[in-house]
Amino acid sequence: MAQSLATAVQAQSDVDEAAIIRSTVLDYMEGWYEGDPVRKERSLHPNLAKRIVRYGDPPSALWRPAGDRLDEMSALRLMQLARHDPIPLSERWGRDVKILDRFGNAASTRLWVTEYQHLARWNGRWVIVNVLWGMRPEEQGGADDAAIVSAALDYIEGWYEGDAARVERSIHPELAKRIVRPGEPPAGDRLDEMNAVRLVYATRHAPIPAHQRRTDVTILDRFEHAASVRVDAKDWVEYLHMARWNGQWTIVNVLWEPRPEAHTP
């Protein structure tokens, strides 16, 4: 009886959390439609990384190489752009929010077919920390699931093997890898980030024994040239945003969460 009650309580909690996550993503989307930067702001982490791959654009300066590029929009810029007149209801679309997966204080979502989001529980509320957008439904051609899995395995197996070159080829040079570190008032939680250079440098370690490894890769969703992927490691779970960049699948955003049992002595 006690177990049944606990299961029911957990199920209701999951339903409540799912509703809050969807509400957060709707604040993000509808705040834009309504021209409401305050509503937009409450859905975002201050260090938001909203990315899009610009395909085949010509270089805008001599120092910028030709080919695809990764553009980023900050939370402040997004709020500034939200200060416009409300968009007519007839021109609004894309209110369908799908929770692709949730683990502890991290979640992966999709908004209609145009954006992937990573959300984290930060100071007691759900906020968006990573976005990959710009999926283009008019482009048909499909994605190569094997190539997506291969890139994800380069990322996690390269880490276990201490193979920096293998990790490097799986990630975008402007990777944003994030985790929320719980904190106490008044400072509160913080969002720690590891960039591509630091990750490659940290990978140069002795190989981790095979019995301490776990490398399960699950494609949660994909649409044309973008994919949302889950990687289950032994002591943590990672959500990846992947994009086709210069013809190869690469990881541009990561939100990771340690497993609770990993902290158990």
C-alpha atoms as a PDB file:
ATOM      1  CA  MET A   1       0.000   0.000   0.000  1.00  0.00           C
ATOM      2  CA  ALA A   2       2.802   2.400   0.928  1.00  0.00           C
ATOM      3  CA  GLN A   3       4.600   1.569  -2.287  1.00  0.00           C
ATOM      4  CA  SER A   4       1.438   2.196  -4.335  1.00  0.00           C
ATOM      5  CA  LEU A   5       0.962   5.574  -2.645  1.00  0.00           C
ATOM      6  CA  ALA A   6       4.584   6.527  -3.282  1.00  0.00           C
ATOM      7  CA  THR A   7       4.225   5.510  -6.936  1.00  0.00           C
ATOM      8  CA  ALA A   8       1.065   7.604  -7.282  1.00  0.00           C
ATOM      9  CA  VAL A   9       2.739  10.621  -5.684  1.00  0.00           C
ATOM     10  CA  GLN A  10       5.728  10.280  -8.022  1.00  0.00           C
ATOM     11  CA  ALA A  11       3.446   9.959 -11.054  1.00  0.00           C
ATOM     12  CA  GLN A  12       1.575  13.144 -10.079  1.00  0.00           C
ATOM     13  CA  SER A  13       4.872  14.924  -9.504  1.00  0.00           C
ATOM     14  CA  ASP A  14       6.024  13.925 -12.995  1.00  0.00           C
ATOM     15  CA  VAL A  15       2.782  15.276 -14.470  1.00  0.00           C
ATOM     16  CA  ASP A  16       3.204  18.555 -12.601  1.00  0.00           C
ATOM     17  CA  GLU A  17       6.828  18.923 -13.714  1.00  0.00           C
ATOM     18  CA  ALA A  18       5.865  18.221 -17.325  1.00  0.00           C
ATOM     19  CA  ALA A  19       3.206  20.949 -17.158  1.00  0.00           C
ATOM     20  CA  ILE A  20       5.737  23.448 -15.784  1.00  0.00           C
ATOM     21  CA  ILE A  21       8.279  22.579 -18.475  1.00  0.00           C
ATOM     22  CA  ARG A  22       5.674  23.051 -21.223  1.00  0.00           C
ATOM     23  CA  SER A  23       4.568  26.334 -19.643  1.00  0.00           C
ATOM     24  CA  THR A  24       8.168  27.572 -19.660  1.00  0.00           C
ATOM     25  CA  VAL A  25       8.596  26.809 -23.356  1.00  0.00           C
ATOM     26  CA  LEU A  26       5.253  28.505 -24.110  1.00  0.00           C
ATOM     27  CA  ASP A  27       6.378  31.612 -22.206  1.00  0.00           C
ATOM     28  CA  TYR A  28       9.406  31.607 -24.482  1.00  0.00           C
ATOM     29  CA  MET A  29       7.356  31.291 -27.673  1.00  0.00           C
ATOM     30  CA  GLU A  30       4.265  33.321 -26.780  1.00  0.00           C
ATOM     31  CA  GLY A  31       6.358  36.073 -25.196  1.00  0.00           C
ATOM     32  CA  TRP A  32       7.769  36.575 -28.690  1.00  0.00           C
ATOM     33  CA  TYR A  33       4.354  36.577 -30.362  1.00  0.00           C
ATOM     34  CA  GLU A  34       2.938  39.003 -27.791  1.00  0.00           C
ATOM     35  CA  GLY A  35       5.955  41.327 -27.905  1.00  0.00           C
ATOM     36  CA  ASP A  36       6.351  40.728 -24.171  1.00  0.00           C
ATOM     37  CA  PRO A  37      10.043  40.774 -23.159  1.00  0.00           C
ATOM     38  CA  VAL A  38       9.136  40.184 -19.489  1.00  0.00           C
ATOM     39  CA  ARG A  39       7.385  36.923 -20.293  1.00  0.00           C
ATOM     40  CA  LYS A  40      10.263  36.010 -22.588  1.00  0.00           C
ATOM     41  CA  GLU A  41      12.824  36.751 -19.880  1.00  0.00           C
ATOM     42  CA  ARG A  42      11.239  34.534 -17.230  1.00  0.00           C
ATOM     43  CA  SER A  43      11.637  31.505 -19.498  1.00  0.00           C
ATOM     44  CA  LEU A  44      15.381  32.009 -20.066  1.00  0.00           C
ATOM     45  CA  HIS A  45      18.611  31.523 -18.190  1.00  0.00           C
ATOM     46  CA  PRO A  46      20.668  34.751 -18.301  1.00  0.00           C
ATOM     47  CA  ASN A  47      23.464  32.843 -20.060  1.00  0.00           C
ATOM     48  CA  LEU A  48      21.238  31.352 -22.743  1.00  0.00           C
ATOM     49  CA  ALA A  49      22.988  29.933 -25.814  1.00  0.00           C
ATOM     50  CA  LYS A  50      20.591  30.073 -28.766  1.00  0.00           C
ATOM     51  CA  ARG A  51      22.332  28.722 -31.851  1.00  0.00           C
ATOM     52  CA  ILE A  52      21.652  28.292 -35.551  1.00  0.00           C
ATOM     53  CA  VAL A  53      23.824  26.868 -38.303  1.00  0.00           C
ATOM     54  CA  ARG A  54      23.943  29.180 -41.331  1.00  0.00           C
ATOM     55  CA  TYR A  55      24.521  26.944 -44.312  1.00  0.00           C
ATOM     56  CA  GLY A  56      26.928  27.915 -47.050  1.00  0.00           C
ATOM     57  CA  ASP A  57      26.850  31.628 -46.337  1.00  0.00           C
ATOM     58  CA  PRO A  58      29.723  33.565 -47.876  1.00  0.00           C
ATOM     59  CA  PRO A  59      32.360  34.861 -45.428  1.00  0.00           C
ATOM     60  CA  SER A  60      31.495  38.258 -43.968  1.00  0.00           C
ATOM     61  CA  ALA A  61      35.145  39.178 -43.332  1.00  0.00           C
ATOM     62  CA  LEU A  62      38.584  38.091 -44.475  1.00  0.00           C
ATOM     63  CA  TRP A  63      39.208  36.253 -41.215  1.00  0.00           C
ATOM     64  CA  ARG A  64      35.955  34.253 -41.448  1.00  0.00           C
ATOM     65  CA  PRO A  65      36.422  31.031 -43.430  1.00  0.00           C
ATOM     66  CA  ALA A  66      33.969  30.078 -46.137  1.00  0.00           C
ATOM     67  CA  GLY A  67      31.390  27.370 -45.437  1.00  0.00           C
ATOM     68  CA  ASP A  68      28.831  26.885 -42.680  1.00  0.00           C
ATOM     69  CA  ARG A  69      28.926  28.996 -39.548  1.00  0.00           C
ATOM     70  CA  LEU A  70      27.314  28.833 -36.116  1.00  0.00           C
ATOM     71  CA  ASP A  71      25.528  32.022 -35.048  1.00  0.00           C
ATOM     72  CA  GLU A  72      24.489  32.646 -31.443  1.00  0.00           C
ATOM     73  CA  MET A  73      21.919  34.929 -29.823  1.00  0.00           C
ATOM     74  CA  SER A  74      22.150  35.857 -26.143  1.00  0.00           C
ATOM     75  CA  ALA A  75      19.259  36.196 -23.697  1.00  0.00           C
ATOM     76  CA  LEU A  76      19.613  39.994 -23.667  1.00  0.00           C
ATOM     77  CA  ARG A  77      19.515  40.229 -27.455  1.00  0.00           C
ATOM     78  CA  LEU A  78      16.466  37.964 -27.580  1.00  0.00           C
ATOM     79  CA  MET A  79      14.624  40.128 -25.052  1.00  0.00           C
ATOM     80  CA  GLN A  80      15.524  43.278 -26.991  1.00  0.00           C
ATOM     81  CA  LEU A  81      14.122  41.773 -30.183  1.00  0.00           C
ATOM     82  CA  ALA A  82      10.914  40.807 -28.341  1.00  0.00           C
ATOM     83  CA  ARG A  83      10.037  44.497 -27.893  1.00  0.00           C
ATOM     84  CA  HIS A  84       7.718  44.734 -30.894  1.00  0.00           C
ATOM     85  CA  ASP A  85       4.021  45.016 -31.588  1.00  0.00           C
ATOM     86  CA  PRO A  86       2.040  41.803 -30.973  1.00  0.00           C
ATOM     87  CA  ILE A  87       1.950  39.478 -33.960  1.00  0.00           C
ATOM     88  CA  PRO A  88      -1.620  38.857 -35.251  1.00  0.00           C
ATOM     89  CA  LEU A  89      -3.163  35.572 -34.138  1.00  0.00           C
ATOM     90  CA  SER A  90      -3.539  34.528 -37.773  1.00  0.00           C
ATOM     91  CA  GLU A  91       0.236  34.661 -38.184  1.00  0.00           C
ATOM     92  CA  ARG A  92       1.111  32.639 -35.074  1.00  0.00           C
ATOM     93  CA  TRP A  93       1.988  28.965 -35.259  1.00  0.00           C
ATOM     94  CA  GLY A  94       4.108  26.398 -33.497  1.00  0.00           C
ATOM     95  CA  ARG A  95       2.569  26.057 -30.012  1.00  0.00           C
ATOM     96  CA  ASP A  96       3.115  22.299 -29.930  1.00  0.00           C
ATOM     97  CA  VAL A  97       5.634  21.511 -27.159  1.00  0.00           C
ATOM     98  CA  LYS A  98       6.954  17.964 -26.935  1.00  0.00           C
ATOM     99  CA  ILE A  99       9.037  16.793 -23.978  1.00  0.00           C
ATOM    100  CA  LEU A 100      11.532  14.450 -25.596  1.00  0.00           C
ATOM    101  CA  ASP A 101      13.100  13.281 -22.334  1.00  0.00           C
ATOM    102  CA  ARG A 102      13.707  14.319 -18.728  1.00  0.00           C
ATOM    103  CA  PHE A 103      16.298  13.161 -16.225  1.00  0.00           C
ATOM    104  CA  GLY A 104      16.454  14.714 -12.770  1.00  0.00           C
ATOM    105  CA  ASN A 105      16.895  18.460 -13.178  1.00  0.00           C
ATOM    106  CA  ALA A 106      17.444  18.423 -16.943  1.00  0.00           C
ATOM    107  CA  ALA A 107      15.014  18.105 -19.836  1.00  0.00           C
ATOM    108  CA  SER A 108      15.096  18.034 -23.623  1.00  0.00           C
ATOM    109  CA  THR A 109      12.154  19.482 -25.557  1.00  0.00           C
ATOM    110  CA  ARG A 110      11.051  20.312 -29.093  1.00  0.00           C
ATOM    111  CA  LEU A 111       8.892  23.284 -30.106  1.00  0.00           C
ATOM    112  CA  TRP A 112       6.785  22.390 -33.138  1.00  0.00           C
ATOM    113  CA  VAL A 113       9.342  21.359 -35.793  1.00  0.00           C
ATOM    114  CA  THR A 114      11.529  24.445 -35.643  1.00  0.00           C
ATOM    115  CA  GLU A 115      13.520  24.327 -32.399  1.00  0.00           C
ATOM    116  CA  TYR A 116      15.106  22.068 -29.832  1.00  0.00           C
ATOM    117  CA  GLN A 117      15.534  23.318 -26.249  1.00  0.00           C
ATOM    118  CA  HIS A 118      17.496  22.148 -23.201  1.00  0.00           C
ATOM    119  CA  LEU A 119      15.899  23.125 -19.892  1.00  0.00           C
ATOM    120  CA  ALA A 120      17.363  22.927 -16.393  1.00  0.00           C
ATOM    121  CA  ARG A 121      15.954  23.478 -12.923  1.00  0.00           C
ATOM    122  CA  TRP A 122      17.757  26.596 -11.723  1.00  0.00           C
ATOM    123  CA  ASN A 123      17.023  28.240  -8.360  1.00  0.00           C
ATOM    124  CA  GLY A 124      13.816  26.257  -8.066  1.00  0.00           C
ATOM    125  CA  ARG A 125      12.364  26.920 -11.506  1.00  0.00           C
ATOM    126  CA  TRP A 126      12.719  25.520 -15.008  1.00  0.00           C
ATOM    127  CA  VAL A 127      14.567  27.734 -17.493  1.00  0.00           C
ATOM    128  CA  ILE A 128      15.867  27.297 -21.036  1.00  0.00           C
ATOM    129  CA  VAL A 129      19.676  27.174 -21.206  1.00  0.00           C
ATOM    130  CA  ASN A 130      20.335  25.936 -24.766  1.00  0.00           C
ATOM    131  CA  VAL A 131      18.437  26.272 -28.040  1.00  0.00           C
ATOM    132  CA  LEU A 132      19.166  24.886 -31.501  1.00  0.00           C
ATOM    133  CA  TRP A 133      16.880  26.445 -34.084  1.00  0.00           C
ATOM    134  CA  GLY A 134      16.452  27.003 -37.783  1.00  0.00           C
ATOM    135  CA  MET A 135      15.385  23.500 -38.816  1.00  0.00           C
ATOM    136  CA  ARG A 136      14.096  23.939 -42.352  1.00  0.00           C
ATOM    137  CA  PRO A 137      11.132  21.727 -43.289  1.00  0.00           C
ATOM    138  CA  GLU A 138      11.363  22.656 -46.944  1.00  0.00           C
ATOM    139  CA  GLU A 139      14.675  20.814 -47.233  1.00  0.00           C
ATOM    140  CA  GLN A 140      14.129  17.125 -47.772  1.00  0.00           C
ATOM    141  CA  GLY A 141      16.883  14.565 -47.712  1.00  0.00           C
ATOM    142  CA  GLY A 142      16.815  13.092 -44.247  1.00  0.00           C
ATOM    143  CA  ALA A 143      19.553  12.530 -41.721  1.00  0.00           C
ATOM    144  CA  ASP A 144      21.904   9.634 -41.349  1.00  0.00           C
ATOM    145  CA  ASP A 145      21.142   7.999 -37.986  1.00  0.00           C
ATOM    146  CA  ALA A 146      24.354   5.990 -38.131  1.00  0.00           C
ATOM    147  CA  ALA A 147      26.410   9.165 -38.552  1.00  0.00           C
ATOM    148  CA  ILE A 148      24.628  10.816 -35.615  1.00  0.00           C
ATOM    149  CA  VAL A 149      25.278   7.816 -33.354  1.00  0.00           C
ATOM    150  CA  SER A 150      28.875   7.612 -34.563  1.00  0.00           C
ATOM    151  CA  ALA A 151      29.527  11.253 -33.638  1.00  0.00           C
ATOM    152  CA  ALA A 152      27.936  10.763 -30.205  1.00  0.00           C
ATOM    153  CA  LEU A 153      30.082   7.667 -29.637  1.00  0.00           C
ATOM    154  CA  ASP A 154      33.211   9.576 -30.647  1.00  0.00           C
ATOM    155  CA  TYR A 155      32.254  12.060 -27.941  1.00  0.00           C
ATOM    156  CA  ILE A 156      31.609   9.629 -25.065  1.00  0.00           C
ATOM    157  CA  GLU A 157      33.986   6.799 -26.012  1.00  0.00           C
ATOM    158  CA  GLY A 158      36.716   9.319 -26.780  1.00  0.00           C
ATOM    159  CA  TRP A 159      36.314  10.635 -23.233  1.00  0.00           C
ATOM    160  CA  TYR A 160      36.589   7.166 -21.695  1.00  0.00           C
ATOM    161  CA  GLU A 161      39.583   6.319 -23.879  1.00  0.00           C
ATOM    162  CA  GLY A 162      41.364   9.608 -23.142  1.00  0.00           C
ATOM    163  CA  ASP A 163      41.394  10.204 -26.918  1.00  0.00           C
ATOM    164  CA  ALA A 164      41.309  13.972 -27.353  1.00  0.00           C
ATOM    165  CA  ALA A 165      41.416  13.771 -31.155  1.00  0.00           C
ATOM    166  CA  ARG A 166      38.294  11.579 -31.220  1.00  0.00           C
ATOM    167  CA  VAL A 167      36.391  13.955 -28.908  1.00  0.00           C
ATOM    168  CA  GLU A 168      37.528  16.976 -30.921  1.00  0.00           C
ATOM    169  CA  ARG A 169      36.149  15.643 -34.193  1.00  0.00           C
ATOM    170  CA  SER A 170      32.705  15.152 -32.603  1.00  0.00           C
ATOM    171  CA  ILE A 171      32.207  18.720 -31.326  1.00  0.00           C
ATOM    172  CA  HIS A 172      31.759  22.146 -32.836  1.00  0.00           C
ATOM    173  CA  PRO A 173      34.632  24.574 -32.092  1.00  0.00           C
ATOM    174  CA  GLU A 174      32.114  26.798 -30.276  1.00  0.00           C
ATOM    175  CA  LEU A 175      30.572  24.026 -28.179  1.00  0.00           C
ATOM    176  CA  ALA A 176      28.527  25.080 -25.129  1.00  0.00           C
ATOM    177  CA  LYS A 177      28.530  22.278 -22.535  1.00  0.00           C
ATOM    178  CA  ARG A 178      26.506  23.231 -19.453  1.00  0.00           C
ATOM    179  CA  ILE A 179      25.546  21.908 -16.023  1.00  0.00           C
ATOM    180  CA  VAL A 180      23.623  23.509 -13.158  1.00  0.00           C
ATOM    181  CA  ARG A 181      25.573  23.328  -9.892  1.00  0.00           C
ATOM    182  CA  PRO A 182      23.243  23.593  -6.869  1.00  0.00           C
ATOM    183  CA  GLY A 183      24.091  26.411  -4.509  1.00  0.00           C
ATOM    184  CA  GLU A 184      22.865  28.050  -1.328  1.00  0.00           C
ATOM    185  CA  PRO A 185      21.330  31.514  -0.854  1.00  0.00           C
ATOM    186  CA  PRO A 186      22.161  34.271  -1.450  1.00  0.00           C
ATOM    187  CA  ALA A 187      24.357  33.181  -4.361  1.00  0.00           C
ATOM    188  CA  GLY A 188      21.989  30.415  -5.496  1.00  0.00           C
ATOM    189  CA  ASP A 189      22.529  27.892  -8.279  1.00  0.00           C
ATOM    190  CA  ARG A 190      25.112  28.546 -10.949  1.00  0.00           C
ATOM    191  CA  LEU A 191      25.413  27.452 -14.558  1.00  0.00           C
ATOM    192  CA  ASP A 192      28.886  26.100 -15.281  1.00  0.00           C
ATOM    193  CA  GLU A 193      30.093  25.887 -18.864  1.00  0.00           C
ATOM    194  CA  MET A 194      32.889  23.998 -20.544  1.00  0.00           C
ATOM    195  CA  ASN A 195      33.959  25.091 -24.009  1.00  0.00           C
ATOM    196  CA  ALA A 196      35.467  22.922 -26.742  1.00  0.00           C
ATOM    197  CA  VAL A 197      39.091  23.751 -25.953  1.00  0.00           C
ATOM    198  CA  ARG A 198      38.701  22.956 -22.258  1.00  0.00           C
ATOM    199  CA  LEU A 199      36.892  19.696 -23.010  1.00  0.00           C
ATOM    200  CA  VAL A 200      39.571  18.531 -25.446  1.00  0.00           C
ATOM    201  CA  TYR A 201      42.275  19.470 -22.940  1.00  0.00           C
ATOM    202  CA  ALA A 202      40.471  17.635 -20.108  1.00  0.00           C
ATOM    203  CA  THR A 203      40.163  14.512 -22.272  1.00  0.00           C
ATOM    204  CA  ARG A 204      43.922  13.977 -22.222  1.00  0.00           C
ATOM    205  CA  HIS A 205      43.867  11.496 -19.356  1.00  0.00           C
ATOM    206  CA  ALA A 206      44.594   7.814 -18.856  1.00  0.00           C
ATOM    207  CA  PRO A 207      41.942   5.464 -20.315  1.00  0.00           C
ATOM    208  CA  ILE A 208      39.129   4.613 -17.908  1.00  0.00           C
ATOM    209  CA  PRO A 209      38.778   0.832 -17.273  1.00  0.00           C
ATOM    210  CA  ALA A 210      36.159  -0.910 -19.411  1.00  0.00           C
ATOM    211  CA  HIS A 211      34.064  -2.013 -16.410  1.00  0.00           C
ATOM    212  CA  GLN A 212      33.613   1.656 -15.415  1.00  0.00           C
ATOM    213  CA  ARG A 213      32.200   2.677 -18.804  1.00  0.00           C
ATOM    214  CA  ARG A 214      28.690   3.081 -20.178  1.00  0.00           C
ATOM    215  CA  THR A 215      28.102   4.444 -23.664  1.00  0.00           C
ATOM    216  CA  ASP A 216      24.395   4.162 -24.530  1.00  0.00           C
ATOM    217  CA  VAL A 217      23.236   6.551 -27.266  1.00  0.00           C
ATOM    218  CA  THR A 218      19.557   7.297 -28.004  1.00  0.00           C
ATOM    219  CA  ILE A 219      18.323   9.584 -30.782  1.00  0.00           C
ATOM    220  CA  LEU A 220      15.371  11.343 -29.126  1.00  0.00           C
ATOM    221  CA  ASP A 221      14.322  13.256 -32.219  1.00  0.00           C
ATOM    222  CA  ARG A 222      15.716  14.480 -35.514  1.00  0.00           C
ATOM    223  CA  PHE A 223      14.493  16.770 -38.247  1.00  0.00           C
ATOM    224  CA  GLU A 224      16.484  17.188 -41.432  1.00  0.00           C
ATOM    225  CA  HIS A 225      19.842  18.659 -40.390  1.00  0.00           C
ATOM    226  CA  ALA A 226      19.269  18.806 -36.589  1.00  0.00           C
ATOM    227  CA  ALA A 227      18.963  16.145 -33.891  1.00  0.00           C
ATOM    228  CA  SER A 228      18.359  15.845 -30.156  1.00  0.00           C
ATOM    229  CA  VAL A 229      20.294  12.960 -28.583  1.00  0.00           C
ATOM    230  CA  ARG A 230      20.649  11.377 -25.132  1.00  0.00           C
ATOM    231  CA  VAL A 231      23.895   9.783 -23.969  1.00  0.00           C
ATOM    232  CA  ASP A 232      23.846   7.563 -20.884  1.00  0.00           C
ATOM    233  CA  ALA A 233      27.242   7.344 -19.230  1.00  0.00           C
ATOM    234  CA  LYS A 234      27.989   5.399 -16.062  1.00  0.00           C
ATOM    235  CA  ASP A 235      27.748   8.332 -13.652  1.00  0.00           C
ATOM    236  CA  TRP A 236      25.877  10.958 -15.668  1.00  0.00           C
ATOM    237  CA  VAL A 237      23.381  11.634 -18.460  1.00  0.00           C
ATOM    238  CA  GLU A 238      23.975  14.120 -21.279  1.00  0.00           C
ATOM    239  CA  TYR A 239      21.538  15.757 -23.671  1.00  0.00           C
ATOM    240  CA  LEU A 240      23.107  16.777 -26.986  1.00  0.00           C
ATOM    241  CA  HIS A 241      21.973  19.171 -29.688  1.00  0.00           C
ATOM    242  CA  MET A 242      23.592  18.070 -32.931  1.00  0.00           C
ATOM    243  CA  ALA A 243      23.638  19.752 -36.327  1.00  0.00           C
ATOM    244  CA  ARG A 244      24.996  19.009 -39.770  1.00  0.00           C
ATOM    245  CA  TRP A 245      27.886  21.449 -40.156  1.00  0.00           C
ATOM    246  CA  ASN A 246      30.081  21.482 -43.275  1.00  0.00           C
ATOM    247  CA  GLY A 247      28.717  18.066 -44.208  1.00  0.00           C
ATOM    248  CA  GLN A 248      29.347  16.343 -40.861  1.00  0.00           C
ATOM    249  CA  TRP A 249      27.219  15.781 -37.770  1.00  0.00           C
ATOM    250  CA  THR A 250      28.643  17.747 -34.857  1.00  0.00           C
ATOM    251  CA  ILE A 251      27.642  18.521 -31.262  1.00  0.00           C
ATOM    252  CA  VAL A 252      26.878  22.199 -30.644  1.00  0.00           C
ATOM    253  CA  ASN A 253      25.060  22.206 -27.266  1.00  0.00           C
ATOM    254  CA  VAL A 254      25.227  19.894 -24.245  1.00  0.00           C
ATOM    255  CA  LEU A 255      23.288  19.868 -20.965  1.00  0.00           C
ATOM    256  CA  TRP A 256      24.390  17.186 -18.530  1.00  0.00           C
ATOM    257  CA  GLU A 257      23.207  15.883 -15.188  1.00  0.00           C
ATOM    258  CA  PRO A 258      24.976  13.555 -12.726  1.00  0.00           C
ATOM    259  CA  ARG A 259      23.237  10.393 -11.623  1.00  0.00           C
ATOM    260  CA  PRO A 260      22.172  10.594  -7.941  1.00  0.00           C
ATOM    261  CA  GLU A 261      23.830   7.249  -7.201  1.00  0.00           C
ATOM    262  CA  ALA A 262      27.143   8.660  -8.445  1.00  0.00           C
ATOM    263  CA  HIS A 263      27.308  10.740  -5.247  1.00  0.00           C
ATOM    264  CA  THR A 264      26.626   7.790  -2.964  1.00  0.00           C
ATOM    265  CA  PRO A 265      29.741   6.693  -1.020  1.00  0.00           C
END
